[in-house]
PDB file of N, CA and C in Angstrom:
ATOM      1  N   MET A   1       2.821  52.390  -0.613  1.00  0.00           N
ATOM      2  CA  MET A   1       1.641  52.696  -1.312  1.00  0.00           C
ATOM      3  C   MET A   1       1.774  52.292  -2.944  1.00  0.00           C
ATOM      4  N   LYS A   2       2.890  52.587  -3.153  1.00  0.00           N
ATOM      5  CA  LYS A   2       3.087  52.147  -4.761  1.00  0.00           C
ATOM      6  C   LYS A   2       2.605  50.575  -5.235  1.00  0.00           C
ATOM      7  N   THR A   3       2.936  49.784  -4.055  1.00  0.00           N
ATOM      8  CA  THR A   3       2.942  48.472  -4.404  1.00  0.00           C
ATOM      9  C   THR A   3       1.369  48.087  -4.402  1.00  0.00           C
ATOM     10  N   LEU A   4       0.612  48.639  -3.390  1.00  0.00           N
ATOM     11  CA  LEU A   4      -1.144  48.626  -3.419  1.00  0.00           C
ATOM     12  C   LEU A   4      -1.704  48.852  -4.790  1.00  0.00           C
ATOM     13  N   VAL A   5      -0.992  49.768  -4.951  1.00  0.00           N
ATOM     14  CA  VAL A   5      -1.745  50.538  -6.394  1.00  0.00           C
ATOM     15  C   VAL A   5      -1.441  49.407  -7.308  1.00  0.00           C
ATOM     16  N   ARG A   6      -0.257  49.128  -7.711  1.00  0.00           N
ATOM     17  CA  ARG A   6       0.195  48.181  -8.481  1.00  0.00           C
ATOM     18  C   ARG A   6      -0.842  46.742  -8.484  1.00  0.00           C
ATOM     19  N   LEU A   7      -0.778  46.217  -7.319  1.00  0.00           N
ATOM     20  CA  LEU A   7      -1.704  45.063  -6.737  1.00  0.00           C
ATOM     21  C   LEU A   7      -3.095  45.149  -7.312  1.00  0.00           C
ATOM     22  N   ASN A   8      -3.630  46.474  -7.049  1.00  0.00           N
ATOM     23  CA  ASN A   8      -5.056  46.995  -7.188  1.00  0.00           C
ATOM     24  C   ASN A   8      -5.228  46.829  -9.108  1.00  0.00           C
ATOM     25  N   VAL A   9      -4.134  47.290  -9.642  1.00  0.00           N
ATOM     26  CA  VAL A   9      -3.981  47.243 -11.133  1.00  0.00           C
ATOM     27  C   VAL A   9      -3.872  46.070 -11.552  1.00  0.00           C
ATOM     28  N   ALA A  10      -3.108  45.012 -11.139  1.00  0.00           N
ATOM     29  CA  ALA A  10      -2.976  43.799 -11.545  1.00  0.00           C
ATOM     30  C   ALA A  10      -4.087  42.859 -11.230  1.00  0.00           C
ATOM     31  N   LEU A  11      -5.094  43.168  -9.956  1.00  0.00           N
ATOM     32  CA  LEU A  11      -6.187  42.300  -9.646  1.00  0.00           C
ATOM     33  C   LEU A  11      -7.205  42.661 -10.579  1.00  0.00           C
ATOM     34  N   ARG A  12      -7.262  43.891 -11.096  1.00  0.00           N
ATOM     35  CA  ARG A  12      -8.726  44.693 -11.655  1.00  0.00           C
ATOM     36  C   ARG A  12      -8.306  44.068 -12.989  1.00  0.00           C
ATOM     37  N   SER A  13      -7.125  44.010 -13.965  1.00  0.00           N
ATOM     38  CA  SER A  13      -6.646  43.223 -14.647  1.00  0.00           C
ATOM     39  C   SER A  13      -6.701  41.816 -14.807  1.00  0.00           C
ATOM     40  N   HIS A  14      -6.737  41.047 -14.163  1.00  0.00           N
ATOM     41  CA  HIS A  14      -6.858  39.668 -14.021  1.00  0.00           C
ATOM     42  C   HIS A  14      -8.605  39.507 -13.925  1.00  0.00           C
ATOM     43  N   TRP A  15      -9.191  40.399 -12.968  1.00  0.00           N
ATOM     44  CA  TRP A  15     -10.756  40.205 -12.813  1.00  0.00           C
ATOM     45  C   TRP A  15     -11.596  40.299 -14.165  1.00  0.00           C
ATOM     46  N   GLU A  16     -11.043  41.144 -14.896  1.00  0.00           N
ATOM     47  CA  GLU A  16     -11.472  41.468 -16.092  1.00  0.00           C
ATOM     48  C   GLU A  16     -11.475  40.366 -17.119  1.00  0.00           C
ATOM     49  N   LYS A  17     -10.089  39.814 -17.313  1.00  0.00           N
ATOM     50  CA  LYS A  17      -9.919  38.598 -17.838  1.00  0.00           C
ATOM     51  C   LYS A  17     -10.730  37.428 -17.618  1.00  0.00           C
ATOM     52  N   VAL A  18     -10.756  37.166 -16.237  1.00  0.00           N
ATOM     53  CA  VAL A  18     -11.996  36.129 -15.944  1.00  0.00           C
ATOM     54  C   VAL A  18     -13.244  36.229 -16.324  1.00  0.00           C
ATOM     55  N   GLN A  19     -13.948  37.705 -15.986  1.00  0.00           N
ATOM     56  CA  GLN A  19     -15.073  37.927 -16.556  1.00  0.00           C
ATOM     57  C   GLN A  19     -15.271  37.819 -17.954  1.00  0.00           C
ATOM     58  N   ALA A  20     -14.076  38.404 -18.808  1.00  0.00           N
ATOM     59  CA  ALA A  20     -14.080  37.767 -20.133  1.00  0.00           C
ATOM     60  C   ALA A  20     -14.316  36.489 -20.556  1.00  0.00           C
ATOM     61  N   HIS A  21     -13.607  35.764 -20.052  1.00  0.00           N
ATOM     62  CA  HIS A  21     -13.490  33.902 -20.166  1.00  0.00           C
ATOM     63  C   HIS A  21     -14.786  33.544 -19.738  1.00  0.00           C
ATOM     64  N   ALA A  22     -15.140  34.187 -18.860  1.00  0.00           N
ATOM     65  CA  ALA A  22     -16.583  33.440 -18.335  1.00  0.00           C
ATOM     66  C   ALA A  22     -17.594  33.886 -19.229  1.00  0.00           C
ATOM     67  N   SER A  23     -17.565  34.830 -19.720  1.00  0.00           N
ATOM     68  CA  SER A  23     -18.969  35.370 -20.666  1.00  0.00           C
ATOM     69  C   SER A  23     -18.455  34.474 -22.338  1.00  0.00           C
ATOM     70  N   GLU A  24     -17.931  33.730 -22.139  1.00  0.00           N
ATOM     71  CA  GLU A  24     -17.911  32.790 -23.393  1.00  0.00           C
ATOM     72  C   GLU A  24     -18.540  31.674 -23.775  1.00  0.00           C
ATOM     73  N   ASP A  25     -19.251  31.255 -24.713  1.00  0.00           N
ATOM     74  CA  ASP A  25     -19.970  30.073 -24.546  1.00  0.00           C
ATOM     75  C   ASP A  25     -18.832  28.801 -24.212  1.00  0.00           C
ATOM     76  N   ARG A  26     -19.195  28.258 -23.170  1.00  0.00           N
ATOM     77  CA  ARG A  26     -18.338  27.156 -23.033  1.00  0.00           C
ATOM     78  C   ARG A  26     -19.193  25.803 -23.107  1.00  0.00           C
ATOM     79  N   GLY A  27     -20.076  25.757 -23.527  1.00  0.00           N
ATOM     80  CA  GLY A  27     -20.910  24.182 -23.784  1.00  0.00           C
ATOM     81  C   GLY A  27     -21.692  23.939 -22.835  1.00  0.00           C
ATOM     82  N   ASP A  28     -22.141  22.685 -23.526  1.00  0.00           N
ATOM     83  CA  ASP A  28     -22.617  21.910 -22.118  1.00  0.00           C
ATOM     84  C   ASP A  28     -21.985  21.019 -21.453  1.00  0.00           C
ATOM     85  N   ILE A  29     -22.376  20.540 -20.345  1.00  0.00           N
ATOM     86  CA  ILE A  29     -21.505  19.367 -19.809  1.00  0.00           C
ATOM     87  C   ILE A  29     -22.196  18.112 -20.122  1.00  0.00           C
ATOM     88  N   SER A  30     -21.672  17.323 -20.567  1.00  0.00           N
ATOM     89  CA  SER A  30     -22.119  16.233 -21.127  1.00  0.00           C
ATOM     90  C   SER A  30     -22.736  15.210 -20.072  1.00  0.00           C
ATOM     91  N   ILE A  31     -23.563  14.308 -20.474  1.00  0.00           N
ATOM     92  CA  ILE A  31     -24.157  13.375 -19.531  1.00  0.00           C
ATOM     93  C   ILE A  31     -23.061  12.369 -18.679  1.00  0.00           C
ATOM     94  N   THR A  32     -22.151  12.054 -19.429  1.00  0.00           N
ATOM     95  CA  THR A  32     -21.186  11.071 -19.012  1.00  0.00           C
ATOM     96  C   THR A  32     -20.375  11.621 -17.983  1.00  0.00           C
ATOM     97  N   THR A  33     -20.369  13.169 -18.139  1.00  0.00           N
ATOM     98  CA  THR A  33     -19.454  13.773 -16.615  1.00  0.00           C
ATOM     99  C   THR A  33     -19.976  13.691 -15.656  1.00  0.00           C
ATOM    100  N   ILE A  34     -21.370  14.308 -15.761  1.00  0.00           N
ATOM    101  CA  ILE A  34     -22.537  14.095 -14.773  1.00  0.00           C
ATOM    102  C   ILE A  34     -22.822  12.634 -14.086  1.00  0.00           C
ATOM    103  N   ILE A  35     -22.679  11.646 -15.010  1.00  0.00           N
ATOM    104  CA  ILE A  35     -22.961  10.332 -14.307  1.00  0.00           C
ATOM    105  C   ILE A  35     -21.298   9.929 -13.682  1.00  0.00           C
ATOM    106  N   ILE A  36     -20.226  10.432 -13.760  1.00  0.00           N
ATOM    107  CA  ILE A  36     -19.078   9.667 -13.620  1.00  0.00           C
ATOM    108  C   ILE A  36     -18.845  11.044 -12.175  1.00  0.00           C
ATOM    109  N   TRP A  37     -19.246  12.214 -11.856  1.00  0.00           N
ATOM    110  CA  TRP A  37     -19.252  12.947 -10.853  1.00  0.00           C
ATOM    111  C   TRP A  37     -20.327  12.336  -9.674  1.00  0.00           C
ATOM    112  N   VAL A  38     -21.189  12.165 -10.050  1.00  0.00           N
ATOM    113  CA  VAL A  38     -22.428  11.080  -9.235  1.00  0.00           C
ATOM    114  C   VAL A  38     -21.889  10.153  -8.918  1.00  0.00           C
ATOM    115  N   ALA A  39     -21.491   9.257  -9.674  1.00  0.00           N
ATOM    116  CA  ALA A  39     -20.999   7.976  -9.119  1.00  0.00           C
ATOM    117  C   ALA A  39     -19.627   8.245  -8.287  1.00  0.00           C
ATOM    118  N   ALA A  40     -18.894   9.171  -8.446  1.00  0.00           N
ATOM    119  CA  ALA A  40     -17.893   9.457  -7.535  1.00  0.00           C
ATOM    120  C   ALA A  40     -18.190   9.985  -6.182  1.00  0.00           C
ATOM    121  N   VAL A  41     -19.150  10.823  -6.355  1.00  0.00           N
ATOM    122  CA  VAL A  41     -19.553  11.167  -4.962  1.00  0.00           C
ATOM    123  C   VAL A  41     -20.438  10.252  -4.503  1.00  0.00           C
ATOM    124  N   ALA A  42     -20.985   9.430  -4.825  1.00  0.00           N
ATOM    125  CA  ALA A  42     -21.906   8.459  -3.866  1.00  0.00           C
ATOM    126  C   ALA A  42     -20.884   7.314  -3.608  1.00  0.00           C
ATOM    127  N   GLY A  43     -19.529   7.085  -4.172  1.00  0.00           N
ATOM    128  CA  GLY A  43     -18.216   6.246  -3.953  1.00  0.00           C
ATOM    129  C   GLY A  43     -17.996   6.594  -2.851  1.00  0.00           C
ATOM    130  N   ALA A  44     -17.655   8.068  -2.644  1.00  0.00           N
ATOM    131  CA  ALA A  44     -16.843   8.511  -1.384  1.00  0.00           C
ATOM    132  C   ALA A  44     -17.966   8.520  -0.497  1.00  0.00           C
ATOM    133  N   LEU A  45     -19.340   8.998  -0.295  1.00  0.00           N
ATOM    134  CA  LEU A  45     -20.169   8.778   0.840  1.00  0.00           C
ATOM    135  C   LEU A  45     -20.429   7.342   1.196  1.00  0.00           C
ATOM    136  N   ALA A  46     -20.131   6.482   0.371  1.00  0.00           N
ATOM    137  CA  ALA A  46     -20.429   5.120   0.857  1.00  0.00           C
ATOM    138  C   ALA A  46     -19.225   4.741   1.734  1.00  0.00           C
ATOM    139  N   ILE A  47     -17.973   5.152   1.105  1.00  0.00           N
ATOM    140  CA  ILE A  47     -16.757   4.668   1.838  1.00  0.00           C
ATOM    141  C   ILE A  47     -16.951   5.127   3.190  1.00  0.00           C
ATOM    142  N   ALA A  48     -16.940   6.644   3.228  1.00  0.00           N
ATOM    143  CA  ALA A  48     -17.133   7.234   4.324  1.00  0.00           C
ATOM    144  C   ALA A  48     -18.019   6.823   5.564  1.00  0.00           C
ATOM    145  N   GLY A  49     -19.063   6.203   5.068  1.00  0.00           N
ATOM    146  CA  GLY A  49     -20.268   5.936   5.858  1.00  0.00           C
ATOM    147  C   GLY A  49     -19.588   4.335   6.291  1.00  0.00           C
ATOM    148  N   THR A  50     -18.907   3.711   5.571  1.00  0.00           N
ATOM    149  CA  THR A  50     -18.309   2.545   6.243  1.00  0.00           C
ATOM    150  C   THR A  50     -17.362   2.729   6.969  1.00  0.00           C
ATOM    151  N   ILE A  51     -16.691   3.480   6.730  1.00  0.00           N
ATOM    152  CA  ILE A  51     -15.319   3.963   7.961  1.00  0.00           C
ATOM    153  C   ILE A  51     -16.202   4.354   9.133  1.00  0.00           C
ATOM    154  N   GLY A  52     -17.116   5.052   9.197  1.00  0.00           N
ATOM    155  CA  GLY A  52     -17.993   5.943  10.164  1.00  0.00           C
ATOM    156  C   GLY A  52     -18.562   4.427  10.856  1.00  0.00           C
ATOM    157  N   ILE A  53     -19.203   3.561  10.337  1.00  0.00           N
ATOM    158  CA  ILE A  53     -19.803   2.300  10.892  1.00  0.00           C
ATOM    159  C   ILE A  53     -18.862   1.660  11.834  1.00  0.00           C
ATOM    160  N   VAL A  54     -17.636   1.381  11.080  1.00  0.00           N
ATOM    161  CA  VAL A  54     -16.596   0.627  11.696  1.00  0.00           C
ATOM    162  C   VAL A  54     -15.978   1.544  12.777  1.00  0.00           C
ATOM    163  N   VAL A  55     -15.705   2.373  12.565  1.00  0.00           N
ATOM    164  CA  VAL A  55     -15.154   3.222  13.796  1.00  0.00           C
ATOM    165  C   VAL A  55     -16.023   2.930  15.103  1.00  0.00           C
ATOM    166  N   THR A  56     -17.471   3.361  14.313  1.00  0.00           N
ATOM    167  CA  THR A  56     -18.332   3.279  15.856  1.00  0.00           C
ATOM    168  C   THR A  56     -18.539   1.646  16.544  1.00  0.00           C
ATOM    169  N   LYS A  57     -18.601   0.933  15.768  1.00  0.00           N
ATOM    170  CA  LYS A  57     -18.691  -0.344  16.277  1.00  0.00           C
ATOM    171  C   LYS A  57     -17.308  -0.904  17.020  1.00  0.00           C
ATOM    172  N   TYR A  58     -16.050  -0.470  16.737  1.00  0.00           N
ATOM    173  CA  TYR A  58     -14.918  -0.956  17.375  1.00  0.00           C
ATOM    174  C   TYR A  58     -14.286   0.280  18.092  1.00  0.00           C
ATOM    175  N   ASN A  59     -15.039   0.964  18.617  1.00  0.00           N
ATOM    176  CA  ASN A  59     -14.389   2.751  19.230  1.00  0.00           C
ATOM    177  C   ASN A  59     -13.722   1.849  20.638  1.00  0.00           C
ATOM    178  N   ALA A  60     -14.573   1.034  21.300  1.00  0.00           N
ATOM    179  CA  ALA A  60     -14.033   0.528  22.650  1.00  0.00           C
ATOM    180  C   ALA A  60     -12.881  -0.134  22.263  1.00  0.00           C
ATOM    181  N   LYS A  61     -12.762  -1.308  21.549  1.00  0.00           N
ATOM    182  CA  LYS A  61     -11.149  -1.730  21.444  1.00  0.00           C
ATOM    183  C   LYS A  61     -10.452  -0.849  20.770  1.00  0.00           C
ATOM    184  N   LEU A  62     -10.723  -0.020  20.055  1.00  0.00           N
ATOM    185  CA  LEU A  62      -9.577   1.079  19.297  1.00  0.00           C
ATOM    186  C   LEU A  62      -9.195   1.853  20.402  1.00  0.00           C
ATOM    187  N   SER A  63      -9.694   2.174  21.368  1.00  0.00           N
ATOM    188  CA  SER A  63      -9.631   3.504  22.679  1.00  0.00           C
ATOM    189  C   SER A  63      -8.194   2.563  23.215  1.00  0.00           C
ATOM    190  N   GLY A  64      -7.933   1.258  23.484  1.00  0.00           N
ATOM    191  CA  GLY A  64      -7.049   0.916  24.161  1.00  0.00           C
ATOM    192  C   GLY A  64      -5.644   0.743  23.299  1.00  0.00           C
ATOM    193  N   ILE A  65      -5.437   1.207  22.287  1.00  0.00           N
ATOM    194  CA  ILE A  65      -4.529   0.605  21.459  1.00  0.00           C
ATOM    195  C   ILE A  65      -3.601   2.049  21.906  1.00  0.00           C
TER     196      ILE A  65
END
């Protein structure tokens, strides 16, 4: 029981720290960061789509391996 009380106190303390940090002004996200993230997601989707197309195209040949 004491362990649960300690855990509760520790979690509450941590949550208060997180809330205090979240309320601080962290500034705006730069346009460069947004462009990099969009390019990374688009590249990942293109790679995943290409892999999906190749697997679909050669599925019969791959099943015999």
